[in-house]
Protein backbone atom coordinates (compact mmCIF):
# COMPACT_ATOMS: atom_id res chain seq x y z
CA MET A 1 -23.98 -53.03 2.23
CA LEU A 2 -26.58 -55.12 0.42
CA ASP A 3 -28.65 -55.83 3.52
CA LEU A 4 -28.90 -52.11 4.31
CA ALA A 5 -29.79 -51.26 0.71
CA LEU A 6 -32.43 -53.99 0.54
CA GLY A 7 -33.95 -52.98 3.87
CA VAL A 8 -34.18 -49.31 2.93
CA ALA A 9 -35.54 -50.08 -0.54
CA ALA A 10 -38.21 -52.38 0.94
CA ALA A 11 -39.15 -49.68 3.48
CA LEU A 12 -39.60 -47.14 0.67
CA ALA A 13 -41.76 -49.56 -1.30
CA ARG A 14 -43.88 -50.30 1.79
CA ARG A 15 -44.34 -46.59 2.41
CA PHE A 16 -45.29 -45.59 -1.11
CA GLU A 17 -47.02 -48.69 -2.46
CA GLY A 18 -49.22 -49.38 0.55
CA CYS A 19 -50.43 -52.90 1.27
CA TYR A 20 -53.49 -54.30 -0.46
CA LEU A 21 -54.40 -57.86 0.41
CA ARG A 22 -56.93 -58.16 -2.40
CA PRO A 23 -56.01 -57.69 -6.08
CA TYR A 24 -56.67 -54.23 -7.49
CA LEU A 25 -55.87 -52.19 -10.57
CA CYS A 26 -52.92 -49.85 -10.04
CA PRO A 27 -53.03 -46.33 -11.58
CA ALA A 28 -51.49 -47.78 -14.75
CA GLY A 29 -54.35 -50.29 -15.01
CA VAL A 30 -52.26 -53.35 -14.09
CA PRO A 31 -53.64 -56.00 -11.69
CA THR A 32 -51.59 -55.72 -8.48
CA ILE A 33 -51.53 -57.20 -4.97
CA GLY A 34 -49.64 -56.73 -1.74
CA PHE A 35 -46.98 -54.02 -1.87
CA GLY A 36 -47.16 -53.45 -5.62
CA ALA A 37 -46.65 -57.01 -6.86
CA THR A 38 -47.81 -57.53 -10.43
CA TYR A 39 -46.55 -61.13 -10.65
CA TYR A 40 -45.59 -64.01 -8.38
CA GLU A 41 -42.33 -65.90 -7.86
CA ASP A 42 -43.29 -68.46 -10.53
CA GLY A 43 -43.70 -65.68 -13.10
CA SER A 44 -47.48 -65.81 -13.28
CA ARG A 45 -49.21 -62.43 -13.45
CA VAL A 46 -51.52 -61.18 -10.75
CA THR A 47 -55.16 -61.20 -11.88
CA LEU A 48 -58.21 -59.56 -10.37
CA LEU A 49 -59.60 -63.05 -9.76
CA ASP A 50 -56.72 -64.10 -7.47
CA PRO A 51 -57.66 -64.84 -3.87
CA PRO A 52 -56.68 -62.38 -1.13
CA ILE A 53 -53.29 -62.83 0.53
CA THR A 54 -52.12 -62.31 4.11
CA ARG A 55 -49.92 -59.44 5.25
CA GLU A 56 -47.14 -61.99 5.76
CA ARG A 57 -47.49 -63.18 2.15
CA ALA A 58 -47.43 -59.56 0.95
CA GLU A 59 -44.18 -59.06 2.85
CA GLU A 60 -42.69 -62.24 1.33
CA LEU A 61 -43.56 -61.04 -2.17
CA LEU A 62 -42.09 -57.59 -1.49
CA LEU A 63 -38.80 -58.96 -0.21
CA TRP A 64 -38.59 -61.42 -3.09
CA MET A 65 -39.22 -58.67 -5.67
CA VAL A 66 -36.59 -56.37 -4.14
CA ARG A 67 -33.96 -59.10 -3.74
CA ALA A 68 -34.56 -61.26 -6.81
CA LYS A 69 -35.78 -58.80 -9.43
CA TYR A 70 -34.91 -55.17 -8.77
CA LEU A 71 -31.54 -55.46 -7.02
CA PRO A 72 -30.08 -57.60 -9.84
CA ALA A 73 -31.50 -55.24 -12.47
CA VAL A 74 -29.96 -52.19 -10.81
CA ILE A 75 -26.59 -53.90 -10.33
CA ARG A 76 -26.60 -54.95 -14.00
CA LEU A 77 -27.59 -51.51 -15.28
CA CYS A 78 -25.64 -49.36 -12.79
CA PRO A 79 -22.77 -51.55 -11.60
CA GLY A 80 -20.74 -48.78 -9.99
CA ILE A 81 -23.15 -47.80 -7.20
CA ASP A 82 -21.11 -48.38 -4.06
CA ASP A 83 -23.21 -46.55 -1.46
CA PRO A 84 -26.07 -48.57 0.13
CA LEU A 85 -28.43 -45.60 0.40
CA ARG A 86 -27.91 -44.59 -3.22
CA LEU A 87 -28.43 -48.21 -4.20
CA ALA A 88 -31.68 -48.31 -2.18
CA ALA A 89 -32.95 -45.16 -3.90
CA ILE A 90 -32.31 -46.56 -7.36
CA ILE A 91 -33.81 -49.95 -6.41
CA ASP A 92 -36.97 -48.12 -5.30
CA PHE A 93 -37.04 -46.10 -8.53
CA THR A 94 -36.75 -49.35 -10.49
CA PHE A 95 -39.39 -51.05 -8.32
CA ASN A 96 -41.76 -48.20 -9.12
CA LEU A 97 -40.99 -47.66 -12.81
CA GLY A 98 -39.34 -50.84 -14.05
CA ALA A 99 -35.90 -51.82 -15.27
CA GLY A 100 -36.74 -50.81 -18.84
CA ASN A 101 -37.28 -47.20 -17.82
CA LEU A 102 -34.04 -47.18 -15.83
CA GLN A 103 -32.16 -48.74 -18.75
CA ALA A 104 -33.34 -46.13 -21.24
CA SER A 105 -32.99 -43.14 -18.92
CA THR A 106 -30.66 -40.19 -18.68
CA LEU A 107 -30.76 -40.97 -14.95
CA ARG A 108 -28.84 -44.18 -15.65
CA ARG A 109 -26.32 -42.37 -17.83
CA ARG A 110 -25.68 -39.83 -15.05
CA ILE A 111 -25.25 -42.59 -12.44
CA ASN A 112 -22.86 -44.55 -14.64
CA ALA A 113 -20.86 -41.38 -15.39
CA ASP A 114 -20.57 -40.82 -11.61
CA ARG A 115 -22.43 -37.51 -11.99
CA TRP A 116 -24.32 -37.82 -8.71
CA ASP A 117 -24.95 -34.07 -8.49
CA ASP A 118 -27.20 -34.47 -11.54
CA VAL A 119 -29.13 -37.46 -10.18
CA PRO A 120 -31.68 -35.57 -8.03
CA GLY A 121 -32.79 -33.52 -11.03
CA GLU A 122 -33.12 -36.65 -13.13
CA LEU A 123 -35.16 -38.41 -10.45
CA ARG A 124 -37.49 -35.42 -10.17
CA LYS A 125 -38.42 -35.76 -13.85
CA TRP A 126 -40.26 -39.04 -13.13
CA VAL A 127 -43.37 -37.70 -11.39
CA LYS A 128 -46.10 -38.08 -13.99
CA GLY A 129 -48.78 -40.70 -14.37
CA GLY A 130 -51.37 -40.53 -17.09
CA GLY A 131 -49.78 -37.31 -18.36
CA ARG A 132 -50.13 -35.38 -15.11
CA VAL A 133 -47.97 -34.77 -12.08
CA LEU A 134 -48.99 -37.06 -9.21
CA ALA A 135 -48.38 -35.89 -5.65
CA GLY A 136 -47.49 -39.43 -4.54
CA LEU A 137 -44.77 -39.67 -7.18
CA VAL A 138 -43.39 -36.26 -6.22
CA LYS A 139 -43.14 -37.45 -2.59
CA ARG A 140 -41.57 -40.75 -3.60
CA ARG A 141 -38.92 -39.08 -5.78
CA GLU A 142 -38.09 -36.65 -2.94
CA ALA A 143 -37.67 -39.59 -0.53
CA GLU A 144 -35.25 -41.13 -3.05
CA VAL A 145 -33.41 -37.82 -3.54
CA VAL A 146 -32.75 -37.63 0.23
CA LEU A 147 -30.78 -40.89 -0.08
CA ILE A 148 -28.62 -39.67 -2.94
């Protein structure tokens, strides 16, 4: 189950994050590299002065983030998810928005109450950036909803 969930979550992140081999500022103004990495395995933050990375290094960072950071956070916050596709969707949500947002969300409460019929509506609430609806976030949430 975990391998499928991790593979699908990584595929979603690849699709929606894109791959940037040079550091850049994400829409939230955070230095980022690869497939949405804002820090490295040693905990150091990405800076705009970091050297470019290879596609292979970007892939390593992505798989590390999904496996070591976001999967454990989702399992800790939503321990009852027993479907790999649902798990992948919530991992991708957490990859995109962070464990803190998942922890504080009604989405998490619905998941933990096993109210999966309510989950698509909760996911669809998370489509704004900078106070406005972003088409990329709408598409990402719909891709997650398909897995629920």
